[in-house]
């Protein structure tokens, strides 16, 4: 393949998690041999751990996708060099962080112009996820300021990459977020009241384009086809009226434009046939579980094994959860449950402790009930000069780790499971 296929991928979340590996591989399959692949770190460029985040992302794409990447740093002193790098790249990826910070930096560095040009010219694969996805519409949501700093909800001017496709939308990732539990964190942590208020500020010919977590909208810039991929749906919302577009559904850009403009009808739920030229055709059922789902499954397995007094099953559930947490270690999202998963893991381990302690204590407690009567029997045998039988009983006890020492004052015993004397576990009984 001489040139990278033109694809714009908008991801709702999970961009460096196990749930999206299959999609990343399919997108990478459209690239030429040894592609130029760039990670644009700007959305999280203000964070003190940005280097660690970038390193984790590079390792994720190398290990899981087979893609060798370079990082275009937010602090690069040569903006012209960054723009040139992005213009020539076959694959560009940008992910979580702050949409408002990214927009400010990309405006100053004129990076937005290059991203807009990539979409307009259908050049290469451009992946915008989470916070970066927030920036691609004509209006953008300042998530950090609204949700984390309590600022009044407002729209910012976005990059309007979708405008190059005739789509006048405000893109909202994390559309079905449920982290808040008792409080509403849907719509990228806005909640219904704030989204409803912001909707009224949008022009009549525009709409909110919501993308669920672990879900992606894939726009083939060469064929003008849009396909939904992943575990959730895309929602086109106008004035509180929502039209869901399910995973596997294929729309023409004209159909999607009509939905945005309010003149289209809801698409059918039957997925289009998959072809070699259709990116991201995997159905939702093929997607691995989210971290939350995997943790819930492991915890349920552990609880079931605990109820069944199945120690091996309990340990297997603990080890499986540890493997899940390791697999999600490269996830760039900060609020996707990593600490919660570790809390569940620690809780499972703590539940194993009393059972293990009882197991360690039980041999000694049981022997203390069994051995004294046997020693009493042995004493009776010796008093009747049945020394062979007494010695046979002593040898049988020794085979079980109970060693008997005879003295003028009686017989003492010690349990030594390892076959060696243990000073911390003596027990004695006298005849």
Protein backbone atom coordinates (compact mmCIF):
# COMPACT_ATOMS: atom_id res chain seq x y z
CA UNK A 1 0.00 0.00 0.00
CA UNK A 2 1.61 3.27 -1.12
CA UNK A 3 -0.42 5.65 1.03
CA UNK A 4 -2.45 5.49 4.19
CA UNK A 5 -6.19 5.26 3.77
CA UNK A 6 -8.10 8.38 4.82
CA UNK A 7 -10.00 7.63 8.03
CA UNK A 8 -11.18 9.86 10.87
CA UNK A 9 -11.79 7.82 14.03
CA UNK A 10 -13.56 9.40 17.02
CA UNK A 11 -13.39 7.30 20.21
CA UNK A 12 -15.57 7.78 23.27
CA UNK A 13 -13.03 6.29 25.69
CA UNK A 14 -10.78 3.29 26.27
CA UNK A 15 -8.36 4.32 23.55
CA UNK A 16 -5.39 2.49 25.10
CA UNK A 17 -7.32 -0.27 26.83
CA UNK A 18 -7.84 -3.93 25.89
CA UNK A 19 -11.32 -3.11 24.58
CA UNK A 20 -9.95 -1.17 21.61
CA UNK A 21 -7.03 -3.37 20.53
CA UNK A 22 -9.02 -5.02 17.74
CA UNK A 23 -10.08 -1.67 16.32
CA UNK A 24 -6.56 -0.22 16.45
CA UNK A 25 -5.28 -3.27 14.59
CA UNK A 26 -7.90 -2.86 11.88
CA UNK A 27 -7.04 0.81 11.48
CA UNK A 28 -3.32 0.00 11.35
CA UNK A 29 -4.03 -2.56 8.63
CA UNK A 30 -4.89 0.36 6.32
CA UNK A 31 -1.41 1.85 6.74
CA UNK A 32 1.53 1.32 4.45
CA UNK A 33 4.55 -0.72 5.42
CA UNK A 34 6.57 0.99 8.18
CA UNK A 35 4.14 3.88 8.56
CA UNK A 36 4.95 7.24 10.09
CA UNK A 37 2.91 7.15 13.32
CA UNK A 38 2.69 10.11 15.70
CA UNK A 39 1.20 10.48 19.16
CA UNK A 40 0.14 14.07 19.80
CA UNK A 41 0.46 14.53 23.56
CA UNK A 42 -1.00 18.04 23.83
CA UNK A 43 -4.28 17.30 25.71
CA UNK A 44 -2.29 15.97 28.69
CA UNK A 45 0.81 18.06 28.00
CA UNK A 46 0.27 20.15 31.14
CA UNK A 47 0.44 17.11 33.43
CA UNK A 48 3.64 16.44 35.35
CA UNK A 49 3.43 12.74 34.39
CA UNK A 50 3.05 13.40 30.67
CA UNK A 51 6.26 11.53 29.85
CA UNK A 52 5.03 8.44 31.65
CA UNK A 53 1.66 8.65 29.88
CA UNK A 54 3.35 8.96 26.50
CA UNK A 55 5.70 6.07 27.26
CA UNK A 56 2.75 3.89 28.28
CA UNK A 57 0.87 4.77 25.10
CA UNK A 58 3.88 3.98 22.91
CA UNK A 59 4.29 0.61 24.62
CA UNK A 60 0.58 -0.14 24.21
CA UNK A 61 0.67 0.49 20.46
CA UNK A 62 3.93 -1.40 20.07
CA UNK A 63 2.90 -4.45 22.06
CA UNK A 64 -0.81 -4.66 21.27
CA UNK A 65 -1.02 -3.19 17.79
CA UNK A 66 2.47 -3.72 16.35
CA UNK A 67 2.79 -0.01 15.63
CA UNK A 68 6.02 1.90 16.24
CA UNK A 69 5.22 5.47 17.24
CA UNK A 70 6.96 8.73 18.02
CA UNK A 71 5.66 11.47 20.31
CA UNK A 72 5.07 15.02 19.17
CA UNK A 73 5.68 16.74 22.53
CA UNK A 74 3.52 19.60 23.69
CA UNK A 75 6.60 21.56 24.69
CA UNK A 76 8.44 21.23 21.37
CA UNK A 77 10.25 24.55 20.75
CA UNK A 78 9.83 24.11 16.99
CA UNK A 79 6.10 24.30 16.10
CA UNK A 80 7.00 24.24 12.41
CA UNK A 81 8.67 20.86 12.93
CA UNK A 82 5.59 19.49 14.70
CA UNK A 83 3.28 20.72 11.94
CA UNK A 84 5.53 19.16 9.30
CA UNK A 85 5.60 15.90 11.26
CA UNK A 86 1.80 15.81 11.49
CA UNK A 87 1.32 16.74 7.84
CA UNK A 88 3.44 13.80 6.66
CA UNK A 89 2.23 11.25 9.22
CA UNK A 90 0.30 8.23 8.05
CA UNK A 91 -1.31 7.86 11.49
CA UNK A 92 -1.94 10.49 14.15
CA UNK A 93 -3.35 9.77 17.58
CA UNK A 94 -4.42 12.11 20.37
CA UNK A 95 -6.28 11.18 23.52
CA UNK A 96 -7.20 12.15 27.08
CA UNK A 97 -6.57 15.30 29.03
CA UNK A 98 -8.10 18.77 28.86
CA UNK A 99 -9.99 19.86 25.69
CA UNK A 100 -9.60 23.54 26.56
CA UNK A 101 -5.84 23.23 27.09
CA UNK A 102 -5.47 21.34 23.82
CA UNK A 103 -7.50 23.91 21.88
CA UNK A 104 -5.44 26.78 23.28
CA UNK A 105 -2.14 25.12 22.45
CA UNK A 106 -3.23 23.93 19.00
CA UNK A 107 -4.44 27.42 18.15
CA UNK A 108 -1.10 28.95 19.19
CA UNK A 109 0.91 26.28 17.38
CA UNK A 110 -1.48 26.27 14.37
CA UNK A 111 -1.73 22.51 14.73
CA UNK A 112 -5.49 22.68 14.25
CA UNK A 113 -4.89 23.80 10.68
CA UNK A 114 -2.88 20.66 9.96
CA UNK A 115 -5.48 18.36 11.50
CA UNK A 116 -8.18 20.11 9.47
CA UNK A 117 -6.08 19.66 6.34
CA UNK A 118 -5.65 15.93 7.01
CA UNK A 119 -9.42 15.47 7.11
CA UNK A 120 -10.12 17.73 4.12
CA UNK A 121 -7.52 15.95 1.97
CA UNK A 122 -8.44 12.47 3.28
CA UNK A 123 -4.82 11.96 4.26
CA UNK A 124 -4.00 9.07 6.57
CA UNK A 125 -5.64 7.76 9.73
CA UNK A 126 -6.46 10.40 12.34
CA UNK A 127 -7.59 9.06 15.72
CA UNK A 128 -9.10 11.56 18.17
CA UNK A 129 -10.19 10.05 21.47
CA UNK A 130 -11.70 11.24 24.75
CA UNK A 131 -10.59 14.85 25.36
CA UNK A 132 -9.17 15.14 21.84
CA UNK A 133 -12.52 13.96 20.44
CA UNK A 134 -14.15 16.84 22.34
CA UNK A 135 -12.18 19.30 20.20
CA UNK A 136 -13.16 18.09 16.71
CA UNK A 137 -16.59 19.74 16.41
CA UNK A 138 -17.42 23.38 15.81
CA UNK A 139 -18.16 23.69 19.53
CA UNK A 140 -16.21 22.03 22.34
CA UNK A 141 -16.89 21.28 25.97
CA UNK A 142 -14.37 22.47 28.62
CA UNK A 143 -14.73 19.34 30.75
CA UNK A 144 -12.03 20.10 33.32
CA UNK A 145 -13.37 23.57 34.09
CA UNK A 146 -17.01 22.50 34.36
CA UNK A 147 -16.73 19.16 36.14
CA UNK A 148 -13.56 19.55 38.20
CA UNK A 149 -13.41 23.30 38.86
CA UNK A 150 -17.11 24.15 39.00
CA UNK A 151 -17.14 26.74 36.21
CA UNK A 152 -20.46 27.52 34.52
CA UNK A 153 -21.00 25.27 31.47
CA UNK A 154 -20.17 27.04 28.21
CA UNK A 155 -19.14 26.09 24.69
CA UNK A 156 -15.67 26.82 23.35
CA UNK A 157 -14.81 27.22 19.69
CA UNK A 158 -13.68 23.81 18.48
CA UNK A 159 -11.34 22.76 15.68
CA UNK A 160 -14.37 21.98 13.50
CA UNK A 161 -12.70 19.05 11.74
CA UNK A 162 -16.20 17.70 11.24
CA UNK A 163 -17.12 20.91 9.44
CA UNK A 164 -14.89 19.79 6.58
CA UNK A 165 -17.35 16.88 6.19
CA UNK A 166 -20.48 19.03 6.39
CA UNK A 167 -21.24 17.95 9.95
CA UNK A 168 -22.08 20.85 12.25
CA UNK A 169 -21.76 19.07 15.58
CA UNK A 170 -20.45 19.32 19.12
CA UNK A 171 -18.81 15.98 19.89
CA UNK A 172 -19.26 14.64 23.42
CA UNK A 173 -17.31 11.47 24.34
CA UNK A 174 -17.93 9.44 27.53
CA UNK A 175 -21.59 9.89 26.60
CA UNK A 176 -22.88 6.99 28.70
CA UNK A 177 -20.48 7.44 31.62
CA UNK A 178 -21.82 5.96 34.84
CA UNK A 179 -18.94 6.56 37.27
CA UNK A 180 -20.99 8.94 39.38
CA UNK A 181 -23.24 6.21 40.72
CA UNK A 182 -25.83 8.24 42.63
CA UNK A 183 -25.16 11.42 40.64
CA UNK A 184 -25.46 11.86 36.90
CA UNK A 185 -22.11 11.79 35.07
CA UNK A 186 -23.45 11.01 31.64
CA UNK A 187 -22.53 13.21 28.68
CA UNK A 188 -18.85 13.54 29.58
CA UNK A 189 -19.63 14.31 33.25
CA UNK A 190 -22.13 17.06 32.40
CA UNK A 191 -25.33 15.33 33.47
CA UNK A 192 -28.71 15.96 31.91
CA UNK A 193 -29.55 19.44 33.31
CA UNK A 194 -26.30 21.05 32.13
CA UNK A 195 -26.42 19.37 28.72
CA UNK A 196 -30.02 20.49 28.22
CA UNK A 197 -29.04 24.08 29.06
CA UNK A 198 -26.04 24.02 26.70
CA UNK A 199 -28.12 22.55 23.86
CA UNK A 200 -30.20 25.70 23.68
CA UNK A 201 -27.08 27.70 22.83
CA UNK A 202 -26.38 25.64 19.71
CA UNK A 203 -27.56 26.82 16.26
CA UNK A 204 -30.68 25.20 14.81
CA UNK A 205 -28.72 23.45 12.06
CA UNK A 206 -26.39 21.70 14.53
CA UNK A 207 -26.57 18.79 16.95
CA UNK A 208 -24.74 17.06 19.76
CA UNK A 209 -22.88 13.97 18.59
CA UNK A 210 -22.48 11.69 21.61
CA UNK A 211 -20.11 8.71 21.56
CA UNK A 212 -20.40 6.09 24.28
CA UNK A 213 -17.41 4.73 26.17
CA UNK A 214 -15.44 1.94 24.46
CA UNK A 215 -17.16 2.94 21.23
CA UNK A 216 -15.95 4.65 18.06
CA UNK A 217 -17.32 6.48 15.04
CA UNK A 218 -15.23 5.64 11.98
CA UNK A 219 -15.53 7.90 8.97
CA UNK A 220 -13.98 6.58 5.77
CA UNK A 221 -12.89 9.77 4.03
CA UNK A 222 -12.37 7.95 0.72
CA UNK A 223 -15.81 6.31 0.47
CA UNK A 224 -17.82 8.83 2.55
CA UNK A 225 -19.16 6.05 4.76
CA UNK A 226 -19.51 6.23 8.53
CA UNK A 227 -19.56 3.11 10.69
CA UNK A 228 -20.18 2.59 14.38
CA UNK A 229 -17.89 0.19 16.24
CA UNK A 230 -17.73 -1.01 19.80
CA UNK A 231 -19.81 -1.71 22.87
CA UNK A 232 -22.17 1.27 22.85
CA UNK A 233 -23.90 3.63 20.46
CA UNK A 234 -23.51 7.02 18.86
CA UNK A 235 -26.31 9.43 19.70
CA UNK A 236 -27.38 12.35 17.52
CA UNK A 237 -29.22 14.69 19.90
CA UNK A 238 -31.18 17.80 18.92
CA UNK A 239 -33.07 19.80 21.54
CA UNK A 240 -33.38 16.82 23.84
CA UNK A 241 -34.50 14.39 21.13
CA UNK A 242 -32.01 11.57 20.66
CA UNK A 243 -31.45 9.23 17.73
CA UNK A 244 -29.20 6.26 18.64
CA UNK A 245 -26.99 4.62 16.03
CA UNK A 246 -25.89 1.15 17.11
CA UNK A 247 -22.61 -0.70 16.68
CA UNK A 248 -22.16 -2.19 13.22
CA UNK A 249 -24.46 0.35 11.56
CA UNK A 250 -23.15 1.96 8.37
CA UNK A 251 -24.35 5.37 7.19
CA UNK A 252 -23.43 7.49 4.25
CA UNK A 253 -22.19 10.93 5.19
CA UNK A 254 -25.34 12.34 3.58
CA UNK A 255 -27.47 10.25 5.94
CA UNK A 256 -25.45 11.41 8.92
CA UNK A 257 -25.72 15.04 7.76
CA UNK A 258 -29.48 14.66 7.56
CA UNK A 259 -29.63 13.29 11.09
CA UNK A 260 -27.57 16.24 12.33
CA UNK A 261 -29.81 18.67 10.47
CA UNK A 262 -32.97 17.07 11.78
CA UNK A 263 -34.25 15.85 8.42
CA UNK A 264 -33.12 12.23 8.60
CA UNK A 265 -34.73 9.23 10.23
CA UNK A 266 -33.24 6.70 12.59
CA UNK A 267 -31.15 4.10 10.77
CA UNK A 268 -31.96 0.43 10.90
CA UNK A 269 -30.16 -1.74 13.40
CA UNK A 270 -29.01 -4.38 10.89
CA UNK A 271 -25.25 -4.11 10.35
CA UNK A 272 -23.99 -3.83 6.81
CA UNK A 273 -21.95 -6.74 5.39
CA UNK A 274 -18.30 -6.62 6.31
CA UNK A 275 -15.77 -6.27 3.52
CA UNK A 276 -12.01 -6.01 3.40
CA UNK A 277 -12.33 -2.27 2.64
CA UNK A 278 -14.65 -1.51 5.55
CA UNK A 279 -12.76 -0.30 8.62
CA UNK A 280 -13.87 -1.25 12.09
CA UNK A 281 -16.54 -3.79 11.27
CA UNK A 282 -16.26 -5.85 14.44
CA UNK A 283 -19.58 -6.24 16.30
CA UNK A 284 -19.93 -5.19 19.90
CA UNK A 285 -20.08 -8.80 21.06
CA UNK A 286 -16.48 -9.31 19.99
CA UNK A 287 -15.17 -6.54 22.20
CA UNK A 288 -13.36 -7.59 25.41
CA UNK A 289 -15.01 -6.64 28.69
CA UNK A 290 -14.39 -3.24 30.20
CA UNK A 291 -12.32 -2.96 33.35
CA UNK A 292 -15.46 -2.53 35.43
CA UNK A 293 -17.04 -5.64 33.90
CA UNK A 294 -13.89 -7.71 34.33
CA UNK A 295 -13.58 -6.67 37.98
CA UNK A 296 -17.23 -7.52 38.62
CA UNK A 297 -16.76 -10.94 37.00
CA UNK A 298 -13.65 -11.72 39.07
CA UNK A 299 -15.34 -10.57 42.27
CA UNK A 300 -18.40 -12.74 41.55
CA UNK A 301 -16.15 -15.75 40.87
CA UNK A 302 -14.30 -15.11 44.12
CA UNK A 303 -17.52 -14.82 46.11
CA UNK A 304 -18.84 -18.03 44.57
CA UNK A 305 -15.63 -19.90 45.38
CA UNK A 306 -15.67 -18.49 48.90
CA UNK A 307 -19.23 -19.71 49.45
CA UNK A 308 -18.26 -23.14 48.11
CA UNK A 309 -15.14 -23.26 50.35
CA UNK A 310 -13.08 -23.62 47.18
CA UNK A 311 -9.65 -22.20 48.07
CA UNK A 312 -8.21 -22.93 44.63
CA UNK A 313 -11.08 -21.06 42.98
CA UNK A 314 -10.58 -18.08 45.30
CA UNK A 315 -6.89 -17.88 44.43
CA UNK A 316 -7.64 -18.25 40.71
CA UNK A 317 -10.05 -15.30 40.87
CA UNK A 318 -7.42 -13.18 42.65
CA UNK A 319 -4.76 -14.02 40.06
CA UNK A 320 -7.15 -13.36 37.17
CA UNK A 321 -8.04 -9.94 38.57
CA UNK A 322 -4.35 -9.12 38.99
CA UNK A 323 -3.83 -10.01 35.31
CA UNK A 324 -6.76 -7.80 34.31
CA UNK A 325 -5.32 -4.84 36.23
CA UNK A 326 -1.95 -5.39 34.55
CA UNK A 327 -3.59 -5.54 31.11
CA UNK A 328 -5.27 -2.18 31.78
CA UNK A 329 -2.06 -0.62 33.02
CA UNK A 330 -1.50 1.26 29.76
CA UNK A 331 -4.95 2.88 29.78
CA UNK A 332 -4.41 6.63 29.50
CA UNK A 333 -7.69 7.52 31.17
CA UNK A 334 -7.35 8.64 34.78
CA UNK A 335 -10.93 8.03 35.90
CA UNK A 336 -11.71 4.59 34.55
CA UNK A 337 -11.56 2.57 37.76
CA UNK A 338 -7.93 1.51 38.14
CA UNK A 339 -7.73 2.41 41.84
CA UNK A 340 -11.15 0.89 42.46
CA UNK A 341 -9.98 -2.35 40.82
CA UNK A 342 -6.93 -2.45 43.07
CA UNK A 343 -9.16 -1.83 46.10
CA UNK A 344 -11.30 -4.82 45.12
CA UNK A 345 -8.17 -6.93 44.66
CA UNK A 346 -6.83 -5.99 48.08
CA UNK A 347 -10.20 -6.79 49.62
CA UNK A 348 -10.22 -10.24 48.04
CA UNK A 349 -6.72 -10.94 49.36
CA UNK A 350 -7.74 -9.83 52.86
CA UNK A 351 -10.63 -12.27 52.78
CA UNK A 352 -8.14 -15.08 52.13
CA UNK A 353 -6.11 -14.29 55.27
CA UNK A 354 -8.37 -15.78 58.00
CA UNK A 355 -8.87 -18.95 55.97
CA UNK A 356 -5.14 -19.32 55.45
CA UNK A 357 -4.49 -18.64 59.14
CA UNK A 358 -7.02 -21.28 60.17
CA UNK A 359 -5.37 -23.69 57.78
CA UNK A 360 -2.00 -23.01 59.34
CA UNK A 361 -3.38 -23.35 62.87
CA UNK A 362 -5.64 -26.31 62.28
CA UNK A 363 -3.07 -29.17 62.20
CA UNK A 364 -1.80 -28.21 65.65
CA UNK A 365 -5.30 -27.74 67.08
CA UNK A 366 -6.44 -31.08 65.69
CA UNK A 367 -3.37 -32.92 66.94
CA UNK A 368 -3.85 -31.51 70.40
CA UNK A 369 -7.18 -33.35 70.49
CA UNK A 370 -5.91 -36.59 68.94
CA UNK A 371 -2.33 -37.18 70.15
CA UNK A 372 -2.81 -37.23 73.98
CA UNK A 373 -5.26 -40.20 73.86
CA UNK A 374 -2.85 -42.05 71.57
CA UNK A 375 0.04 -41.37 73.94
CA UNK A 376 -2.12 -42.59 76.79
CA UNK A 377 -2.78 -45.78 74.81
CA UNK A 378 0.94 -46.11 74.14
CA UNK A 379 1.64 -45.77 77.84
CA UNK A 380 -0.81 -48.55 78.60
CA UNK A 381 0.85 -50.77 75.99
CA UNK A 382 4.26 -50.17 77.53
CA UNK A 383 2.94 -50.87 81.03
CA UNK A 384 1.78 -54.24 79.73
CA UNK A 385 5.22 -54.85 78.14
CA UNK A 386 3.71 -54.64 74.64
CA UNK A 387 6.76 -52.69 73.53
CA UNK A 388 6.58 -53.74 69.88
CA UNK A 389 3.05 -52.36 69.58
CA UNK A 390 4.04 -49.23 71.52
CA UNK A 391 7.00 -48.69 69.19
CA UNK A 392 4.79 -49.28 66.16
CA UNK A 393 2.40 -46.60 67.40
CA UNK A 394 5.32 -44.22 67.99
CA UNK A 395 6.60 -44.83 64.43
CA UNK A 396 3.13 -44.24 62.99
CA UNK A 397 2.93 -40.90 64.78
CA UNK A 398 6.41 -39.97 63.54
CA UNK A 399 5.34 -40.70 59.95
CA UNK A 400 2.63 -38.07 60.46
CA UNK A 401 5.09 -35.50 61.74
CA UNK A 402 4.46 -36.13 65.45
CA UNK A 403 7.70 -36.99 67.21
CA UNK A 404 7.56 -38.56 70.70
CA UNK A 405 10.29 -38.19 73.31
CA UNK A 406 10.20 -40.48 76.33
CA UNK A 407 11.61 -39.43 79.69
CA UNK A 408 11.30 -40.63 83.30
CA UNK A 409 8.58 -38.04 83.74
CA UNK A 410 6.49 -39.28 80.83
CA UNK A 411 6.24 -38.75 77.10
CA UNK A 412 6.36 -35.44 75.25
CA UNK A 413 5.48 -34.82 71.62
CA UNK A 414 6.26 -32.21 69.01
CA UNK A 415 4.63 -31.61 65.63
CA UNK A 416 7.25 -30.89 62.96
CA UNK A 417 5.63 -30.75 59.47
CA UNK A 418 8.96 -30.06 57.77
CA UNK A 419 10.66 -32.98 59.49
CA UNK A 420 12.84 -30.53 61.47
CA UNK A 421 12.44 -29.39 65.03
CA UNK A 422 10.48 -26.13 65.35
CA UNK A 423 11.07 -24.13 68.48
CA UNK A 424 7.91 -22.08 67.91
CA UNK A 425 5.45 -25.00 67.85
CA UNK A 426 6.01 -27.33 70.84
CA UNK A 427 3.30 -29.30 72.51
CA UNK A 428 3.65 -31.83 75.32
CA UNK A 429 1.69 -34.59 76.95
CA UNK A 430 2.81 -36.79 79.85
CA UNK A 431 1.82 -40.24 80.78
